[in-house]
Amino acid sequence: MLFYFSPMIEIKTIYDTIVDLYKGFESLSPLQKIEQEEKIKFYIDKTFHQTDNKAKLFKVPARISSIALNTIRAFAEYNDYSGYGDGYGTTHTMLRITYDIGYDNSLYELVRPMHNNIMVQLDGEVNTIKISRIMHGSEYNYWYSFAFSINLTLTSISAIKMKEIKSSLIGASAPKNSSCFIATAAFGHQDQVEVVSLRKFRDDVLLNSYFGRLFINIYETTSPPLAAYIRHKPFFRTVVRKIIRKLILLLPTAK
């Protein structure tokens, strides 16, 4: 007689596998992308869509968004913070998970004390999972996050005191903040046309040479404190804007 044991899987395992499967995806040909997407679909089907032997998630942190008899909806956002202080930092959501959870009457006493907006730790059997990849940013400065939609059958639930779910739990880190700090401080927004022109010059020209990359590294290390100072000084913001506009006229990307 054969015995089958449900595999115990962590969110980190799913995330790491999906990220690894998407590595180099943008450089593939259209047909290669289709093949890779089939591999991703096969991984999901093989791991989770099993009729006799469902995969189990355990120790899953989440925040309850709604709760009713036999049904719980919850979500988790694995966030990371990048950038510099004084308003220049950005919180990136590396992974967002929505949970649609069913439970039977045997778990009613565990569920009864729970309420909306409380943080909980879940164990459950995976019924279905859908995964999507989301692009953020612009053509010149973009990054990807992931969204999971998971249908679970609850096996255990308990309240926890965690307030925020750090991306370190899935081993992810936010993309490096590569904004033009001084220009952004002077013009007040990273999507201002002058700031976009400087970013394009950085990406198209500076990144293609050794000395250009060296300049970028020095700039990104030394400019944030200066940008923070300029941001609160209207006179200096005006002066810097004038200098940048004159500089842009000399850039290859501005012609």
C-alpha atoms as a PDB file:
ATOM      1  CA  MET A   1       0.000   0.000   0.000  1.00  0.00           C
ATOM      2  CA  LEU A   2       1.338   3.420  -0.970  1.00  0.00           C
ATOM      3  CA  PHE A   3       1.140   6.432   1.347  1.00  0.00           C
ATOM      4  CA  TYR A   4       1.118   9.949  -0.058  1.00  0.00           C
ATOM      5  CA  PHE A   5       2.153  12.934   2.032  1.00  0.00           C
ATOM      6  CA  SER A   6       1.106  16.467   1.189  1.00  0.00           C
ATOM      7  CA  PRO A   7       4.161  18.620   0.476  1.00  0.00           C
ATOM      8  CA  MET A   8       4.660  21.473   2.948  1.00  0.00           C
ATOM      9  CA  ILE A   9       5.472  24.630   1.035  1.00  0.00           C
ATOM     10  CA  GLU A  10       6.397  28.133   2.163  1.00  0.00           C
ATOM     11  CA  ILE A  11       5.588  31.344   0.318  1.00  0.00           C
ATOM     12  CA  LYS A  12       9.331  31.928   0.021  1.00  0.00           C
ATOM     13  CA  THR A  13       9.695  28.672  -1.923  1.00  0.00           C
ATOM     14  CA  ILE A  14       6.969  29.649  -4.389  1.00  0.00           C
ATOM     15  CA  TYR A  15       8.334  33.166  -4.799  1.00  0.00           C
ATOM     16  CA  ASP A  16      11.948  32.072  -5.278  1.00  0.00           C
ATOM     17  CA  THR A  17      10.942  29.486  -7.877  1.00  0.00           C
ATOM     18  CA  ILE A  18       8.772  31.894  -9.877  1.00  0.00           C
ATOM     19  CA  VAL A  19      11.417  34.651  -9.806  1.00  0.00           C
ATOM     20  CA  ASP A  20      14.034  32.143 -10.977  1.00  0.00           C
ATOM     21  CA  LEU A  21      11.781  30.968 -13.824  1.00  0.00           C
ATOM     22  CA  TYR A  22      11.355  34.569 -14.982  1.00  0.00           C
ATOM     23  CA  LYS A  23      15.077  35.375 -14.997  1.00  0.00           C
ATOM     24  CA  GLY A  24      16.176  36.519 -18.430  1.00  0.00           C
ATOM     25  CA  PHE A  25      12.569  36.460 -19.645  1.00  0.00           C
ATOM     26  CA  GLU A  26      12.778  39.867 -21.396  1.00  0.00           C
ATOM     27  CA  SER A  27      15.685  38.747 -23.586  1.00  0.00           C
ATOM     28  CA  LEU A  28      13.832  35.700 -24.958  1.00  0.00           C
ATOM     29  CA  SER A  29      12.274  35.511 -28.387  1.00  0.00           C
ATOM     30  CA  PRO A  30       8.435  35.446 -28.618  1.00  0.00           C
ATOM     31  CA  LEU A  31       8.402  31.649 -29.029  1.00  0.00           C
ATOM     32  CA  GLN A  32      10.866  31.165 -26.183  1.00  0.00           C
ATOM     33  CA  LYS A  33       8.630  33.312 -23.940  1.00  0.00           C
ATOM     34  CA  ILE A  34       5.678  31.053 -24.736  1.00  0.00           C
ATOM     35  CA  GLU A  35       7.782  27.999 -23.860  1.00  0.00           C
ATOM     36  CA  GLN A  36       8.898  29.579 -20.586  1.00  0.00           C
ATOM     37  CA  GLU A  37       5.334  30.522 -19.655  1.00  0.00           C
ATOM     38  CA  GLU A  38       4.362  26.882 -20.244  1.00  0.00           C
ATOM     39  CA  LYS A  39       7.127  25.815 -17.837  1.00  0.00           C
ATOM     40  CA  ILE A  40       5.773  28.232 -15.229  1.00  0.00           C
ATOM     41  CA  LYS A  41       2.233  26.895 -15.738  1.00  0.00           C
ATOM     42  CA  PHE A  42       3.523  23.323 -15.456  1.00  0.00           C
ATOM     43  CA  TYR A  43       5.285  24.173 -12.167  1.00  0.00           C
ATOM     44  CA  ILE A  44       2.074  25.623 -10.718  1.00  0.00           C
ATOM     45  CA  ASP A  45      -0.045  22.690 -11.907  1.00  0.00           C
ATOM     46  CA  LYS A  46       2.411  20.068 -10.683  1.00  0.00           C
ATOM     47  CA  THR A  47       2.894  21.667  -7.274  1.00  0.00           C
ATOM     48  CA  PHE A  48      -0.600  22.832  -6.393  1.00  0.00           C
ATOM     49  CA  HIS A  49      -3.308  21.433  -8.640  1.00  0.00           C
ATOM     50  CA  GLN A  50      -3.233  17.915  -7.271  1.00  0.00           C
ATOM     51  CA  THR A  51      -6.530  16.124  -6.648  1.00  0.00           C
ATOM     52  CA  ASP A  52      -5.400  13.452  -4.212  1.00  0.00           C
ATOM     53  CA  ASN A  53      -2.496  15.137  -2.543  1.00  0.00           C
ATOM     54  CA  LYS A  54      -2.867  18.887  -2.007  1.00  0.00           C
ATOM     55  CA  ALA A  55       0.102  21.038  -1.166  1.00  0.00           C
ATOM     56  CA  LYS A  56      -0.017  22.730   2.224  1.00  0.00           C
ATOM     57  CA  LEU A  57       1.073  26.235   3.123  1.00  0.00           C
ATOM     58  CA  PHE A  58       2.214  26.815   6.678  1.00  0.00           C
ATOM     59  CA  LYS A  59       3.134  29.786   8.860  1.00  0.00           C
ATOM     60  CA  VAL A  60       1.650  32.289   6.427  1.00  0.00           C
ATOM     61  CA  PRO A  61       1.297  35.864   7.782  1.00  0.00           C
ATOM     62  CA  ALA A  62      -1.695  37.825   6.499  1.00  0.00           C
ATOM     63  CA  ARG A  63      -4.123  40.600   7.397  1.00  0.00           C
ATOM     64  CA  ILE A  64      -7.846  39.783   7.447  1.00  0.00           C
ATOM     65  CA  SER A  65      -9.876  42.035   5.158  1.00  0.00           C
ATOM     66  CA  SER A  66     -13.261  40.375   5.739  1.00  0.00           C
ATOM     67  CA  ILE A  67     -14.561  37.438   7.725  1.00  0.00           C
ATOM     68  CA  ALA A  68     -17.855  35.562   7.621  1.00  0.00           C
ATOM     69  CA  LEU A  69     -19.272  32.150   8.398  1.00  0.00           C
ATOM     70  CA  ASN A  70     -17.092  29.560   6.610  1.00  0.00           C
ATOM     71  CA  THR A  71     -15.219  32.232   4.620  1.00  0.00           C
ATOM     72  CA  ILE A  72     -12.226  34.496   5.273  1.00  0.00           C
ATOM     73  CA  ARG A  73     -10.586  36.925   2.903  1.00  0.00           C
ATOM     74  CA  ALA A  74      -7.101  38.124   3.715  1.00  0.00           C
ATOM     75  CA  PHE A  75      -4.070  39.670   2.053  1.00  0.00           C
ATOM     76  CA  ALA A  76      -0.341  40.079   2.558  1.00  0.00           C
ATOM     77  CA  GLU A  77       2.022  42.655   1.091  1.00  0.00           C
ATOM     78  CA  TYR A  78       5.727  41.921   1.343  1.00  0.00           C
ATOM     79  CA  ASN A  79       7.210  45.419   1.354  1.00  0.00           C
ATOM     80  CA  ASP A  80      10.716  46.788   1.130  1.00  0.00           C
ATOM     81  CA  TYR A  81      11.988  50.336   1.520  1.00  0.00           C
ATOM     82  CA  SER A  82      14.586  51.847  -0.763  1.00  0.00           C
ATOM     83  CA  GLY A  83      16.035  55.269  -1.302  1.00  0.00           C
ATOM     84  CA  TYR A  84      17.207  57.952   1.049  1.00  0.00           C
ATOM     85  CA  GLY A  85      15.688  59.971   3.836  1.00  0.00           C
ATOM     86  CA  ASP A  86      13.874  63.296   3.862  1.00  0.00           C
ATOM     87  CA  GLY A  87      11.106  62.243   1.547  1.00  0.00           C
ATOM     88  CA  TYR A  88      13.200  60.426  -1.034  1.00  0.00           C
ATOM     89  CA  GLY A  89      12.515  56.923   0.195  1.00  0.00           C
ATOM     90  CA  THR A  90      10.009  54.670  -1.521  1.00  0.00           C
ATOM     91  CA  THR A  91       8.175  51.623  -0.230  1.00  0.00           C
ATOM     92  CA  HIS A  92       8.055  48.901  -2.854  1.00  0.00           C
ATOM     93  CA  THR A  93       5.585  46.027  -2.721  1.00  0.00           C
ATOM     94  CA  MET A  94       7.621  43.074  -3.961  1.00  0.00           C
ATOM     95  CA  LEU A  95       4.792  40.562  -3.566  1.00  0.00           C
ATOM     96  CA  ARG A  96       1.057  40.946  -2.916  1.00  0.00           C
ATOM     97  CA  ILE A  97      -1.012  37.904  -2.018  1.00  0.00           C
ATOM     98  CA  THR A  98      -4.775  37.716  -1.751  1.00  0.00           C
ATOM     99  CA  TYR A  99      -6.216  34.744   0.104  1.00  0.00           C
ATOM    100  CA  ASP A 100      -9.721  33.338  -0.355  1.00  0.00           C
ATOM    101  CA  ILE A 101     -10.052  30.937   2.585  1.00  0.00           C
ATOM    102  CA  GLY A 102     -12.715  28.397   3.396  1.00  0.00           C
ATOM    103  CA  TYR A 103     -13.110  26.645   6.768  1.00  0.00           C
ATOM    104  CA  ASP A 104     -15.527  24.169   8.306  1.00  0.00           C
ATOM    105  CA  ASN A 105     -17.338  24.159  11.635  1.00  0.00           C
ATOM    106  CA  SER A 106     -14.538  22.268  13.389  1.00  0.00           C
ATOM    107  CA  LEU A 107     -12.445  25.459  13.266  1.00  0.00           C
ATOM    108  CA  TYR A 108     -15.242  27.815  14.320  1.00  0.00           C
ATOM    109  CA  GLU A 109     -13.900  28.364  17.846  1.00  0.00           C
ATOM    110  CA  LEU A 110     -10.476  29.292  16.456  1.00  0.00           C
ATOM    111  CA  VAL A 111     -11.963  31.715  13.955  1.00  0.00           C
ATOM    112  CA  ARG A 112     -14.603  33.312  16.237  1.00  0.00           C
ATOM    113  CA  PRO A 113     -12.224  35.752  18.044  1.00  0.00           C
ATOM    114  CA  MET A 114     -10.792  37.051  14.762  1.00  0.00           C
ATOM    115  CA  HIS A 115     -11.939  40.298  13.191  1.00  0.00           C
ATOM    116  CA  ASN A 116     -11.221  42.585  10.247  1.00  0.00           C
ATOM    117  CA  ASN A 117      -7.761  44.152   9.997  1.00  0.00           C
ATOM    118  CA  ILE A 118      -6.161  41.762  12.491  1.00  0.00           C
ATOM    119  CA  MET A 119      -2.850  40.113  11.602  1.00  0.00           C
ATOM    120  CA  VAL A 120      -2.953  36.319  11.649  1.00  0.00           C
ATOM    121  CA  GLN A 121      -0.812  33.321  10.864  1.00  0.00           C
ATOM    122  CA  LEU A 122      -2.421  30.730   8.615  1.00  0.00           C
ATOM    123  CA  ASP A 123      -1.956  27.088   7.769  1.00  0.00           C
ATOM    124  CA  GLY A 124      -3.975  25.611   4.943  1.00  0.00           C
ATOM    125  CA  GLU A 125      -4.321  23.338   1.955  1.00  0.00           C
ATOM    126  CA  VAL A 126      -3.929  24.988  -1.443  1.00  0.00           C
ATOM    127  CA  ASN A 127      -6.889  24.492  -3.766  1.00  0.00           C
ATOM    128  CA  THR A 128      -5.850  26.861  -6.547  1.00  0.00           C
ATOM    129  CA  ILE A 129      -3.187  29.496  -7.113  1.00  0.00           C
ATOM    130  CA  LYS A 130      -2.879  32.138  -9.818  1.00  0.00           C
ATOM    131  CA  ILE A 131       0.348  34.068 -10.368  1.00  0.00           C
ATOM    132  CA  SER A 132       0.972  37.234 -12.331  1.00  0.00           C
ATOM    133  CA  ARG A 133       3.992  39.482 -12.844  1.00  0.00           C
ATOM    134  CA  ILE A 134       3.553  43.257 -12.782  1.00  0.00           C
ATOM    135  CA  MET A 135       5.815  45.887 -14.319  1.00  0.00           C
ATOM    136  CA  HIS A 136       6.340  49.159 -12.460  1.00  0.00           C
ATOM    137  CA  GLY A 137       8.086  52.380 -13.378  1.00  0.00           C
ATOM    138  CA  SER A 138       8.903  53.751 -16.801  1.00  0.00           C
ATOM    139  CA  GLU A 139      10.726  52.654 -19.923  1.00  0.00           C
ATOM    140  CA  TYR A 140      14.052  53.780 -18.486  1.00  0.00           C
ATOM    141  CA  ASN A 141      13.650  52.814 -14.849  1.00  0.00           C
ATOM    142  CA  TYR A 142      11.420  49.811 -14.238  1.00  0.00           C
ATOM    143  CA  TRP A 143      11.116  46.798 -11.971  1.00  0.00           C
ATOM    144  CA  TYR A 144       8.785  43.837 -11.486  1.00  0.00           C
ATOM    145  CA  SER A 145       6.688  42.611  -8.607  1.00  0.00           C
ATOM    146  CA  PHE A 146       4.437  39.554  -8.332  1.00  0.00           C
ATOM    147  CA  ALA A 147       0.817  38.980  -7.380  1.00  0.00           C
ATOM    148  CA  PHE A 148      -0.477  35.656  -6.064  1.00  0.00           C
ATOM    149  CA  SER A 149      -4.161  34.790  -5.716  1.00  0.00           C
ATOM    150  CA  ILE A 150      -4.523  31.724  -3.505  1.00  0.00           C
ATOM    151  CA  ASN A 151      -7.601  29.725  -2.575  1.00  0.00           C
ATOM    152  CA  LEU A 152      -7.035  27.860   0.696  1.00  0.00           C
ATOM    153  CA  THR A 153      -8.833  25.397   2.912  1.00  0.00           C
ATOM    154  CA  LEU A 154      -7.962  26.498   6.438  1.00  0.00           C
ATOM    155  CA  THR A 155      -6.348  24.044   8.836  1.00  0.00           C
ATOM    156  CA  SER A 156      -5.106  26.454  11.528  1.00  0.00           C
ATOM    157  CA  ILE A 157      -5.230  30.154  12.392  1.00  0.00           C
ATOM    158  CA  SER A 158      -3.810  32.301  15.189  1.00  0.00           C
ATOM    159  CA  ALA A 159      -3.481  36.032  15.860  1.00  0.00           C
ATOM    160  CA  ILE A 160      -0.008  37.583  15.714  1.00  0.00           C
ATOM    161  CA  LYS A 161       1.381  41.016  16.607  1.00  0.00           C
ATOM    162  CA  MET A 162       3.240  41.645  13.360  1.00  0.00           C
ATOM    163  CA  LYS A 163       2.324  45.054  11.870  1.00  0.00           C
ATOM    164  CA  GLU A 164       4.151  44.939   8.545  1.00  0.00           C
ATOM    165  CA  ILE A 165       5.357  42.035   6.463  1.00  0.00           C
ATOM    166  CA  LYS A 166       8.957  42.627   5.421  1.00  0.00           C
ATOM    167  CA  SER A 167      10.155  41.448   2.038  1.00  0.00           C
ATOM    168  CA  SER A 168      13.120  39.812   3.787  1.00  0.00           C
ATOM    169  CA  LEU A 169      10.712  36.973   4.620  1.00  0.00           C
ATOM    170  CA  ILE A 170      10.730  36.057   0.932  1.00  0.00           C
ATOM    171  CA  GLY A 171      14.347  37.027   0.345  1.00  0.00           C
ATOM    172  CA  ALA A 172      13.491  39.960  -1.928  1.00  0.00           C
ATOM    173  CA  SER A 173      14.899  43.470  -1.949  1.00  0.00           C
ATOM    174  CA  ALA A 174      13.611  46.640  -3.535  1.00  0.00           C
ATOM    175  CA  PRO A 175      15.189  47.936  -6.721  1.00  0.00           C
ATOM    176  CA  LYS A 176      17.988  50.394  -6.189  1.00  0.00           C
ATOM    177  CA  ASN A 177      16.684  53.944  -6.203  1.00  0.00           C
ATOM    178  CA  SER A 178      18.404  55.450  -9.211  1.00  0.00           C
ATOM    179  CA  SER A 179      16.544  58.736  -9.466  1.00  0.00           C
ATOM    180  CA  CYS A 180      18.330  61.960 -10.353  1.00  0.00           C
ATOM    181  CA  PHE A 181      18.199  63.223  -6.777  1.00  0.00           C
ATOM    182  CA  ILE A 182      19.334  66.828  -7.256  1.00  0.00           C
ATOM    183  CA  ALA A 183      17.208  67.372 -10.355  1.00  0.00           C
ATOM    184  CA  THR A 184      14.192  65.802  -8.671  1.00  0.00           C
ATOM    185  CA  ALA A 185      14.691  68.065  -5.649  1.00  0.00           C
ATOM    186  CA  ALA A 186      14.985  71.144  -7.865  1.00  0.00           C
ATOM    187  CA  PHE A 187      11.954  70.433 -10.038  1.00  0.00           C
ATOM    188  CA  GLY A 188       9.840  68.707  -7.395  1.00  0.00           C
ATOM    189  CA  HIS A 189       8.946  65.548  -9.319  1.00  0.00           C
ATOM    190  CA  GLN A 190      10.851  62.673 -10.914  1.00  0.00           C
ATOM    191  CA  ASP A 191       8.592  62.744 -14.005  1.00  0.00           C
ATOM    192  CA  GLN A 192       9.363  66.376 -14.822  1.00  0.00           C
ATOM    193  CA  VAL A 193      10.596  66.598 -18.437  1.00  0.00           C
ATOM    194  CA  GLU A 194      14.046  67.870 -17.401  1.00  0.00           C
ATOM    195  CA  VAL A 195      14.494  65.025 -14.921  1.00  0.00           C
ATOM    196  CA  VAL A 196      13.416  62.489 -17.533  1.00  0.00           C
ATOM    197  CA  SER A 197      15.971  63.946 -19.978  1.00  0.00           C
ATOM    198  CA  LEU A 198      18.774  63.539 -17.427  1.00  0.00           C
ATOM    199  CA  ARG A 199      17.751  59.950 -16.683  1.00  0.00           C
ATOM    200  CA  LYS A 200      17.739  59.170 -20.405  1.00  0.00           C
ATOM    201  CA  PHE A 201      21.233  60.663 -20.765  1.00  0.00           C
ATOM    202  CA  ARG A 202      22.377  58.544 -17.836  1.00  0.00           C
ATOM    203  CA  ASP A 203      20.895  55.339 -19.293  1.00  0.00           C
ATOM    204  CA  ASP A 204      21.841  55.924 -22.943  1.00  0.00           C
ATOM    205  CA  VAL A 205      25.270  57.524 -22.533  1.00  0.00           C
ATOM    206  CA  LEU A 206      26.812  57.345 -19.050  1.00  0.00           C
ATOM    207  CA  LEU A 207      25.986  53.686 -18.395  1.00  0.00           C
ATOM    208  CA  ASN A 208      27.805  52.691 -21.584  1.00  0.00           C
ATOM    209  CA  SER A 209      31.266  53.801 -20.434  1.00  0.00           C
ATOM    210  CA  TYR A 210      33.515  53.001 -17.497  1.00  0.00           C
ATOM    211  CA  PHE A 211      33.937  56.630 -16.449  1.00  0.00           C
ATOM    212  CA  GLY A 212      30.231  57.246 -16.876  1.00  0.00           C
ATOM    213  CA  ARG A 213      29.385  54.384 -14.516  1.00  0.00           C
ATOM    214  CA  LEU A 214      32.026  55.633 -12.080  1.00  0.00           C
ATOM    215  CA  PHE A 215      30.442  59.086 -12.153  1.00  0.00           C
ATOM    216  CA  ILE A 216      26.993  57.592 -11.496  1.00  0.00           C
ATOM    217  CA  ASN A 217      28.273  55.650  -8.470  1.00  0.00           C
ATOM    218  CA  ILE A 218      29.911  58.754  -6.999  1.00  0.00           C
ATOM    219  CA  TYR A 219      26.828  60.861  -7.716  1.00  0.00           C
ATOM    220  CA  GLU A 220      24.400  58.404  -6.123  1.00  0.00           C
ATOM    221  CA  THR A 221      26.578  58.250  -3.016  1.00  0.00           C
ATOM    222  CA  THR A 222      27.151  61.972  -2.531  1.00  0.00           C
ATOM    223  CA  SER A 223      24.078  63.720  -3.966  1.00  0.00           C
ATOM    224  CA  PRO A 224      21.212  62.750  -1.596  1.00  0.00           C
ATOM    225  CA  PRO A 225      22.308  65.051   1.291  1.00  0.00           C
ATOM    226  CA  LEU A 226      22.711  67.951  -1.131  1.00  0.00           C
ATOM    227  CA  ALA A 227      19.347  67.191  -2.716  1.00  0.00           C
ATOM    228  CA  ALA A 228      17.706  67.137   0.714  1.00  0.00           C
ATOM    229  CA  TYR A 229      19.160  70.595   1.449  1.00  0.00           C
ATOM    230  CA  ILE A 230      18.124  72.070  -1.925  1.00  0.00           C
ATOM    231  CA  ARG A 231      14.595  70.731  -1.589  1.00  0.00           C
ATOM    232  CA  HIS A 232      13.827  73.109   1.289  1.00  0.00           C
ATOM    233  CA  LYS A 233      15.605  76.172  -0.146  1.00  0.00           C
ATOM    234  CA  PRO A 234      13.542  77.963  -2.862  1.00  0.00           C
ATOM    235  CA  PHE A 235      16.470  80.166  -3.920  1.00  0.00           C
ATOM    236  CA  PHE A 236      18.803  77.221  -4.537  1.00  0.00           C
ATOM    237  CA  ARG A 237      16.054  75.280  -6.281  1.00  0.00           C
ATOM    238  CA  THR A 238      15.654  78.156  -8.732  1.00  0.00           C
ATOM    239  CA  VAL A 239      19.405  78.383  -9.358  1.00  0.00           C
ATOM    240  CA  VAL A 240      19.746  74.622  -9.890  1.00  0.00           C
ATOM    241  CA  ARG A 241      16.795  74.572 -12.293  1.00  0.00           C
ATOM    242  CA  LYS A 242      18.445  77.243 -14.449  1.00  0.00           C
ATOM    243  CA  ILE A 243      21.758  75.358 -14.481  1.00  0.00           C
ATOM    244  CA  ILE A 244      20.090  72.065 -15.380  1.00  0.00           C
ATOM    245  CA  ARG A 245      18.084  73.599 -18.228  1.00  0.00           C
ATOM    246  CA  LYS A 246      21.243  75.063 -19.743  1.00  0.00           C
ATOM    247  CA  LEU A 247      23.043  71.744 -19.295  1.00  0.00           C
ATOM    248  CA  ILE A 248      20.272  69.804 -20.996  1.00  0.00           C
ATOM    249  CA  LEU A 249      20.726  71.866 -24.174  1.00  0.00           C
ATOM    250  CA  LEU A 250      24.211  70.346 -24.451  1.00  0.00           C
ATOM    251  CA  LEU A 251      23.152  66.737 -23.945  1.00  0.00           C
ATOM    252  CA  PRO A 252      22.930  64.368 -26.947  1.00  0.00           C
ATOM    253  CA  THR A 253      19.503  63.113 -25.767  1.00  0.00           C
ATOM    254  CA  ALA A 254      18.117  66.657 -25.830  1.00  0.00           C
ATOM    255  CA  LYS A 255      18.824  67.186 -29.522  1.00  0.00           C
END
